[in-house]
Amino acid sequence: MLFSRRMLLTTASAWSLGTTLPSWASTATAVTATTANAVVDAHYTGTPGALLAGKPTWNTIQAALDAAPSQASVPWIVWIRPGVYREKLHITRAHVHLAGENRQSTVLVYNAYSGLAKPSGGTWTTFGCATLLVQAPHFTATNMTVANDYDFPSNDKKDRKDPSYQRDPQAVALMTDKGADCSLFANLTITGYQDTLFTEAGRSYFDQCSISGHIDFIFGAGQSFFNACDIITRPRYPKPSIVGYVTAPSTSIEQAYGLVFYRCKLLKESNDVGHASSPLGRPWHPTRTFADGRYADPNAIGSSVFIECFMDDHITANGWDSMTGTPKTGTERTVFRPEDSRFYEYHNTGPGAQSSPRRRQLDASQASQYSAEKVLAGWSF
């Protein structure tokens, strides 16, 4: 077994999906500057790549990534000392491991957003604006903060008729895109506002991370298992009745799994996040080009599953909401309903974990099918 777990029982009170990190993940979180292949220090002023305490050292993460082997079969570890690294990184080499020295003070941050003009022309779009974009297998990031600090709140306060109002404010902090697979994220703080975490491709494992945002802030078509993570909804000003949506999966109907949250805490950043202001998710059907036109993908039957999670009172009583998409014909927007998606819960607790017909509950046998080893089946290093 790649993922050790406790025995699954069919009784409603005693089974567990397994929270023990796999051996390779435990090793990944235990690296030090001594065991790293390279060191990044924002305060380093020496010759780039020169040896310092026996390790090649740079003052930017990008420079260290440029020195990584183009072909590798074992992790190439970059130890990142505390500092603010304002960089936009694109991971294209396999087996890269970014290891922060301190989760709070080792900060990778950028402020690109969907509608921002690119130097090469056009705009970044949601698919290109991420602070950290992963397009290679076996990537690991541990013990650091990854953020997109685009000033969404200031834009959100503007009158919608204000010519300076930005209608494409999606700002991704972390994205796993085509080419990514077997991505491990442990002890990370991932923060933004709209579209914070974009798990678009491959299998991802998030362990004891903190992920914050408000509108669709965990979304995409990838297969991701979230173990013991804090999922934090941020406020908006002025306060709308619905502040945002925790998830917006676009899982292909051909995939058995999408976003699975196990023993996570769904929290609010402050009391400015109103009571019953945040559904658990809504179904995202991305607009794609087909032989007969460009319209919302009918096969993106999103999957979000919450198992044994704590939910604060900002979660709405109905739990889930609808989402519109580009119609195939006609002028009316297509409405995609949550009951037509794969949205399920099991044994959640807290004031936001209410029961209603729209909040479909799994039984113990069904919930056991969402273990980490099943969601991430075939993962090997």
Protein backbone atom coordinates (compact mmCIF):
# COMPACT_ATOMS: atom_id res chain seq x y z
CA MET A 1 0.00 0.00 0.00
CA LEU A 2 1.27 3.46 -0.87
CA PHE A 3 -0.85 5.13 1.81
CA SER A 4 -1.09 3.41 5.18
CA ARG A 5 -4.50 3.68 6.81
CA ARG A 6 -6.49 2.22 9.65
CA MET A 7 -8.92 -0.56 8.94
CA LEU A 8 -12.17 0.66 7.41
CA LEU A 9 -15.16 -0.48 9.43
CA THR A 10 -18.73 -0.53 8.26
CA THR A 11 -20.02 0.92 11.50
CA ALA A 12 -20.87 4.61 11.28
CA SER A 13 -18.65 5.66 14.17
CA ALA A 14 -15.35 3.81 14.01
CA TRP A 15 -13.78 3.82 10.58
CA SER A 16 -10.95 6.05 9.38
CA LEU A 17 -9.56 6.95 5.95
CA GLY A 18 -6.03 7.06 7.33
CA THR A 19 -4.16 10.24 8.24
CA THR A 20 -0.65 8.82 8.46
CA LEU A 21 1.67 10.36 5.90
CA PRO A 22 3.21 7.85 3.49
CA SER A 23 6.88 7.19 4.16
CA TRP A 24 8.14 9.30 1.27
CA ALA A 25 5.98 12.21 2.41
CA SER A 26 7.33 11.97 5.95
CA THR A 27 10.84 12.07 4.53
CA ALA A 28 9.97 15.10 2.41
CA THR A 29 8.83 17.11 5.43
CA ALA A 30 12.00 16.26 7.36
CA VAL A 31 14.58 17.82 4.99
CA THR A 32 17.04 20.42 6.27
CA ALA A 33 19.56 22.83 4.78
CA THR A 34 22.17 20.13 5.30
CA THR A 35 20.35 17.59 3.15
CA ALA A 36 19.33 20.11 0.45
CA ASN A 37 20.93 20.37 -2.96
CA ALA A 38 20.75 24.16 -3.11
CA VAL A 39 20.02 27.10 -0.83
CA VAL A 40 18.09 30.29 -1.53
CA ASP A 41 18.58 33.28 0.76
CA ALA A 42 16.92 36.62 -0.06
CA HIS A 43 19.73 38.41 1.78
CA TYR A 44 22.58 36.67 -0.05
CA THR A 45 24.81 39.14 -1.93
CA GLY A 46 27.60 36.85 -3.09
CA THR A 47 28.26 35.35 -6.51
CA PRO A 48 25.13 33.52 -7.73
CA GLY A 49 25.59 29.77 -7.31
CA ALA A 50 28.78 30.04 -5.27
CA LEU A 51 29.27 27.58 -2.44
CA LEU A 52 28.30 28.85 0.99
CA ALA A 53 28.66 26.35 3.83
CA GLY A 54 29.14 23.75 1.11
CA LYS A 55 25.89 24.52 -0.73
CA PRO A 56 25.38 26.44 -3.99
CA THR A 57 23.49 29.56 -2.98
CA TRP A 58 21.29 32.08 -4.79
CA ASN A 59 19.10 34.99 -3.74
CA THR A 60 16.11 34.05 -5.91
CA ILE A 61 14.16 30.82 -6.16
CA GLN A 62 14.08 31.09 -9.96
CA ALA A 63 17.89 31.06 -10.16
CA ALA A 64 18.00 27.89 -8.09
CA LEU A 65 15.35 26.27 -10.29
CA ASP A 66 17.36 27.14 -13.39
CA ALA A 67 20.23 25.13 -11.93
CA ALA A 68 18.11 22.03 -11.33
CA PRO A 69 18.92 18.94 -13.44
CA SER A 70 16.87 18.79 -16.61
CA GLN A 71 16.40 15.06 -16.02
CA ALA A 72 16.11 13.71 -12.50
CA SER A 73 14.72 10.58 -10.85
CA VAL A 74 15.17 11.69 -7.23
CA PRO A 75 14.11 14.89 -5.48
CA TRP A 76 16.25 17.97 -6.12
CA ILE A 77 15.77 19.94 -2.91
CA VAL A 78 15.90 23.73 -2.74
CA TRP A 79 16.13 25.00 0.85
CA ILE A 80 14.58 28.47 1.08
CA ARG A 81 15.51 30.69 3.98
CA PRO A 82 13.06 33.22 5.49
CA GLY A 83 12.29 36.17 3.26
CA VAL A 84 9.72 37.54 0.84
CA TYR A 85 10.34 36.22 -2.66
CA ARG A 86 8.30 38.24 -5.15
CA GLU A 87 8.56 35.81 -8.04
CA LYS A 88 6.27 34.07 -10.50
CA LEU A 89 7.50 30.50 -10.81
CA HIS A 90 6.85 27.90 -13.49
CA ILE A 91 7.90 24.33 -12.61
CA THR A 92 8.78 22.34 -15.74
CA ARG A 93 11.35 19.87 -14.35
CA ALA A 94 10.43 16.69 -12.51
CA HIS A 95 11.27 15.90 -8.89
CA VAL A 96 11.73 19.48 -7.70
CA HIS A 97 11.19 20.05 -3.97
CA LEU A 98 10.86 23.56 -2.55
CA ALA A 99 11.45 23.38 1.21
CA GLY A 100 10.87 26.51 3.27
CA GLU A 101 12.78 27.07 6.49
CA ASN A 102 9.74 28.65 8.16
CA ARG A 103 6.10 28.35 7.10
CA GLN A 104 5.17 31.90 8.11
CA SER A 105 8.31 33.80 7.11
CA THR A 106 9.35 31.98 3.94
CA VAL A 107 6.95 33.64 1.50
CA LEU A 108 6.60 33.20 -2.25
CA VAL A 109 4.23 35.88 -3.56
CA TYR A 110 3.17 37.58 -6.79
CA ASN A 111 0.19 39.69 -7.85
CA ALA A 112 -0.78 38.65 -11.39
CA TYR A 113 -4.50 38.32 -12.06
CA SER A 114 -6.62 37.10 -14.96
CA GLY A 115 -7.22 40.50 -16.57
CA LEU A 116 -3.67 41.82 -16.14
CA ALA A 117 -1.77 42.50 -19.37
CA LYS A 118 1.20 40.19 -20.02
CA PRO A 119 4.51 41.63 -21.22
CA SER A 120 4.23 39.40 -24.30
CA GLY A 121 0.73 40.63 -25.13
CA GLY A 122 -2.79 39.62 -24.18
CA THR A 123 -3.74 38.96 -20.56
CA TRP A 124 -2.60 36.34 -18.08
CA THR A 125 -6.07 34.69 -17.84
CA THR A 126 -6.98 32.40 -14.94
CA PHE A 127 -4.89 29.62 -16.50
CA GLY A 128 -1.69 31.66 -16.52
CA CYS A 129 -1.77 34.02 -13.54
CA ALA A 130 -0.62 31.63 -10.78
CA THR A 131 2.23 32.63 -8.50
CA LEU A 132 3.38 28.98 -8.55
CA LEU A 133 2.48 27.01 -11.68
CA VAL A 134 3.37 23.30 -11.66
CA GLN A 135 3.57 21.44 -14.99
CA ALA A 136 5.93 18.60 -14.10
CA PRO A 137 5.50 15.36 -12.11
CA HIS A 138 6.69 14.60 -8.58
CA PHE A 139 6.77 18.18 -7.37
CA THR A 140 6.88 18.85 -3.63
CA ALA A 141 6.49 22.05 -1.63
CA THR A 142 6.74 22.09 2.16
CA ASN A 143 6.81 24.50 5.08
CA MET A 144 6.27 27.85 3.34
CA THR A 145 3.64 30.36 2.23
CA VAL A 146 2.46 30.65 -1.38
CA ALA A 147 0.35 33.74 -2.00
CA ASN A 148 -1.26 35.91 -4.64
CA ASP A 149 -1.60 39.39 -3.17
CA TYR A 150 -3.52 41.06 -5.98
CA ASP A 151 -5.64 43.68 -4.21
CA PHE A 152 -9.04 42.08 -4.77
CA PRO A 153 -10.67 43.96 -1.84
CA SER A 154 -9.94 47.40 -3.32
CA ASN A 155 -11.31 46.38 -6.69
CA ASP A 156 -14.35 44.76 -5.07
CA LYS A 157 -15.28 48.03 -3.34
CA LYS A 158 -15.45 49.96 -6.63
CA ASP A 159 -18.71 50.82 -8.38
CA ARG A 160 -19.23 48.35 -11.20
CA LYS A 161 -19.61 51.29 -13.60
CA ASP A 162 -16.23 52.70 -12.59
CA PRO A 163 -14.00 52.40 -15.71
CA SER A 164 -11.13 51.25 -13.50
CA TYR A 165 -13.14 48.31 -12.14
CA GLN A 166 -11.49 45.04 -13.16
CA ARG A 167 -14.00 42.43 -14.31
CA ASP A 168 -11.44 39.62 -14.38
CA PRO A 169 -9.99 39.68 -10.84
CA GLN A 170 -9.27 35.95 -10.54
CA ALA A 171 -5.82 35.64 -8.97
CA VAL A 172 -4.40 32.14 -8.50
CA ALA A 173 -1.72 31.45 -5.88
CA LEU A 174 -1.00 27.79 -6.77
CA MET A 175 -1.93 25.76 -9.85
CA THR A 176 -1.25 22.17 -10.88
CA ASP A 177 -1.65 22.09 -14.65
CA LYS A 178 -1.16 19.59 -17.48
CA GLY A 179 2.06 17.68 -16.91
CA ALA A 180 1.72 17.78 -13.13
CA ASP A 181 1.11 14.54 -11.24
CA CYS A 182 1.99 13.14 -7.82
CA SER A 183 2.26 16.62 -6.33
CA LEU A 184 2.78 16.81 -2.56
CA PHE A 185 2.01 19.93 -0.54
CA ALA A 186 2.61 19.70 3.21
CA ASN A 187 2.53 22.36 5.92
CA LEU A 188 1.83 25.14 3.41
CA THR A 189 -0.11 28.36 3.78
CA ILE A 190 -1.84 29.06 0.45
CA THR A 191 -3.60 32.39 0.34
CA GLY A 192 -5.51 34.62 -2.07
CA TYR A 193 -9.07 35.76 -2.66
CA GLN A 194 -10.86 34.51 -5.79
CA ASP A 195 -9.52 31.25 -7.31
CA THR A 196 -6.71 30.76 -4.79
CA LEU A 197 -5.97 27.08 -5.52
CA PHE A 198 -6.41 25.69 -9.04
CA THR A 199 -6.00 21.90 -9.08
CA GLU A 200 -6.51 21.43 -12.81
CA ALA A 201 -4.54 18.26 -13.54
CA GLY A 202 -2.95 15.19 -11.99
CA ARG A 203 -3.07 13.80 -8.47
CA SER A 204 -2.28 16.06 -5.51
CA TYR A 205 -1.98 15.41 -1.77
CA PHE A 206 -2.40 18.33 0.64
CA ASP A 207 -1.40 17.60 4.23
CA GLN A 208 -2.00 20.03 7.11
CA CYS A 209 -2.15 23.04 4.83
CA SER A 210 -4.05 26.30 5.32
CA ILE A 211 -5.95 27.49 2.24
CA SER A 212 -7.78 30.82 2.27
CA GLY A 213 -9.96 32.75 -0.16
CA HIS A 214 -13.64 33.36 -0.88
CA ILE A 215 -14.99 32.95 -4.45
CA ASP A 216 -14.45 29.42 -5.86
CA PHE A 217 -11.16 29.38 -4.02
CA ILE A 218 -10.47 25.65 -4.46
CA PHE A 219 -11.37 24.58 -7.98
CA GLY A 220 -10.47 22.62 -11.08
CA ALA A 221 -10.46 19.16 -12.64
CA GLY A 222 -7.61 17.46 -10.77
CA GLN A 223 -7.76 14.61 -8.24
CA SER A 224 -6.83 16.07 -4.86
CA PHE A 225 -6.93 14.70 -1.32
CA PHE A 226 -6.91 17.26 1.51
CA ASN A 227 -5.90 15.79 4.86
CA ALA A 228 -6.39 17.80 8.07
CA CYS A 229 -6.28 21.15 6.29
CA ASP A 230 -7.74 24.49 7.43
CA ILE A 231 -10.05 25.82 4.70
CA ILE A 232 -10.56 29.49 5.52
CA THR A 233 -13.20 31.77 3.98
CA ARG A 234 -12.22 35.44 3.85
CA PRO A 235 -14.64 38.39 4.09
CA ARG A 236 -15.68 40.77 1.33
CA TYR A 237 -16.57 44.45 1.64
CA PRO A 238 -19.24 45.65 1.34
CA LYS A 239 -20.64 42.39 2.66
CA PRO A 240 -22.66 40.44 0.06
CA SER A 241 -25.22 37.87 1.20
CA ILE A 242 -23.07 35.18 -0.43
CA VAL A 243 -19.41 35.90 0.18
CA GLY A 244 -18.19 33.08 -2.06
CA TYR A 245 -17.98 29.32 -2.64
CA VAL A 246 -15.48 26.96 -1.06
CA THR A 247 -15.12 24.76 -4.15
CA ALA A 248 -15.88 24.82 -7.87
CA PRO A 249 -14.86 21.43 -9.26
CA SER A 250 -14.83 20.68 -12.98
CA THR A 251 -14.02 16.98 -12.66
CA SER A 252 -14.36 14.99 -15.88
CA ILE A 253 -17.13 12.38 -15.79
CA GLU A 254 -14.40 9.87 -16.75
CA GLN A 255 -12.69 10.45 -13.37
CA ALA A 256 -14.01 8.73 -10.29
CA TYR A 257 -12.56 11.36 -7.96
CA GLY A 258 -12.18 15.12 -7.76
CA LEU A 259 -11.75 17.11 -4.53
CA VAL A 260 -11.85 15.09 -1.30
CA PHE A 261 -11.60 16.79 2.11
CA TYR A 262 -10.89 14.55 5.08
CA ARG A 263 -10.98 15.79 8.66
CA CYS A 264 -10.48 19.37 7.52
CA LYS A 265 -11.74 22.48 9.33
CA LEU A 266 -13.90 24.90 7.35
CA LEU A 267 -13.31 28.15 9.16
CA LYS A 268 -13.92 31.87 8.65
CA GLU A 269 -11.13 34.42 8.77
CA SER A 270 -13.16 36.79 10.95
CA ASN A 271 -16.70 37.46 12.10
CA ASP A 272 -17.07 39.72 9.06
CA VAL A 273 -17.76 36.50 7.16
CA GLY A 274 -21.51 36.34 7.70
CA HIS A 275 -23.68 33.51 8.96
CA ALA A 276 -24.80 31.19 6.13
CA SER A 277 -22.82 33.15 3.54
CA SER A 278 -20.71 30.44 1.89
CA PRO A 279 -21.93 27.30 0.09
CA LEU A 280 -19.61 24.29 0.04
CA GLY A 281 -19.39 24.50 -3.72
CA ARG A 282 -20.95 24.91 -7.12
CA PRO A 283 -20.45 22.98 -10.39
CA TRP A 284 -18.02 24.61 -12.81
CA HIS A 285 -18.43 23.64 -16.46
CA PRO A 286 -15.53 25.42 -18.23
CA THR A 287 -16.10 26.80 -21.71
CA ARG A 288 -14.27 24.62 -24.23
CA THR A 289 -14.04 24.39 -28.02
CA PHE A 290 -15.83 21.43 -29.60
CA ALA A 291 -16.36 20.42 -33.24
CA ASP A 292 -19.82 22.00 -33.18
CA GLY A 293 -18.98 25.15 -31.29
CA ARG A 294 -17.63 26.66 -28.08
CA TYR A 295 -19.71 26.14 -24.97
CA ALA A 296 -19.75 24.87 -21.38
CA ASP A 297 -18.31 21.36 -21.15
CA PRO A 298 -21.26 19.02 -20.44
CA ASN A 299 -18.89 16.28 -19.26
CA ALA A 300 -17.38 18.33 -16.42
CA ILE A 301 -19.45 16.68 -13.72
CA GLY A 302 -17.69 18.12 -10.69
CA SER A 303 -16.92 16.10 -7.57
CA SER A 304 -16.46 17.60 -4.10
CA VAL A 305 -16.69 15.35 -1.04
CA PHE A 306 -16.38 16.41 2.63
CA ILE A 307 -15.76 13.65 5.15
CA GLU A 308 -15.59 14.09 8.94
CA CYS A 309 -14.93 17.81 8.58
CA PHE A 310 -15.76 20.61 11.01
CA MET A 311 -17.89 23.37 9.46
CA ASP A 312 -18.38 26.77 11.06
CA ASP A 313 -21.63 28.73 10.75
CA HIS A 314 -20.70 30.51 7.50
CA ILE A 315 -21.63 27.37 5.54
CA THR A 316 -25.15 27.67 4.11
CA ALA A 317 -27.97 25.36 5.19
CA ASN A 318 -28.42 24.00 1.65
CA GLY A 319 -24.68 23.42 1.36
CA TRP A 320 -24.42 23.67 -2.42
CA ASP A 321 -25.39 26.12 -5.16
CA SER A 322 -25.90 26.32 -8.92
CA MET A 323 -23.56 27.86 -11.50
CA THR A 324 -24.18 29.13 -15.01
CA GLY A 325 -22.17 28.41 -18.16
CA THR A 326 -21.92 29.32 -21.83
CA PRO A 327 -24.90 27.81 -23.70
CA LYS A 328 -24.48 25.55 -26.70
CA THR A 329 -27.37 27.26 -28.48
CA GLY A 330 -29.52 30.28 -27.82
CA THR A 331 -28.77 33.31 -25.67
CA GLU A 332 -29.76 32.20 -22.18
CA ARG A 333 -27.02 31.07 -19.83
CA THR A 334 -27.07 27.35 -19.06
CA VAL A 335 -27.76 26.61 -15.39
CA PHE A 336 -25.90 23.67 -13.86
CA ARG A 337 -27.50 22.36 -10.68
CA PRO A 338 -25.67 20.87 -7.69
CA GLU A 339 -27.90 17.80 -7.67
CA ASP A 340 -26.54 16.89 -11.11
CA SER A 341 -22.98 16.98 -9.78
CA ARG A 342 -21.10 14.61 -7.47
CA PHE A 343 -21.41 16.56 -4.22
CA TYR A 344 -21.46 14.43 -1.07
CA GLU A 345 -20.83 14.56 2.68
CA TYR A 346 -20.22 12.14 5.51
CA HIS A 347 -20.27 12.65 9.30
CA ASN A 348 -19.40 16.35 9.27
CA THR A 349 -19.80 18.36 12.47
CA GLY A 350 -20.19 21.97 13.59
CA PRO A 351 -22.88 24.61 13.13
CA GLY A 352 -22.48 24.57 9.34
CA ALA A 353 -22.91 20.79 9.06
CA GLN A 354 -26.66 20.76 8.70
CA SER A 355 -28.87 18.12 7.13
CA SER A 356 -31.16 18.86 4.20
CA PRO A 357 -32.36 17.07 1.06
CA ARG A 358 -29.81 18.98 -1.04
CA ARG A 359 -26.93 17.82 1.13
CA ARG A 360 -26.59 14.19 0.10
CA GLN A 361 -24.98 11.99 2.72
CA LEU A 362 -22.82 8.93 2.11
CA ASP A 363 -23.09 5.83 4.23
CA ALA A 364 -19.97 4.30 5.81
CA SER A 365 -19.40 1.84 2.98
CA GLN A 366 -19.66 4.57 0.34
CA ALA A 367 -17.43 6.95 2.29
CA SER A 368 -14.73 4.27 2.58
CA GLN A 369 -14.27 4.51 -1.19
CA TYR A 370 -12.79 8.01 -0.76
CA SER A 371 -9.62 7.01 1.09
CA ALA A 372 -6.34 8.63 0.08
CA GLU A 373 -5.05 5.39 -1.40
CA LYS A 374 -8.10 5.13 -3.65
CA VAL A 375 -8.21 8.80 -4.69
CA LEU A 376 -4.49 8.74 -5.46
CA ALA A 377 -4.30 5.15 -6.72
CA GLY A 378 -1.11 4.25 -8.54
CA TRP A 379 0.98 7.03 -7.02
CA SER A 380 4.60 5.93 -6.72
CA PHE A 381 8.01 7.56 -6.49
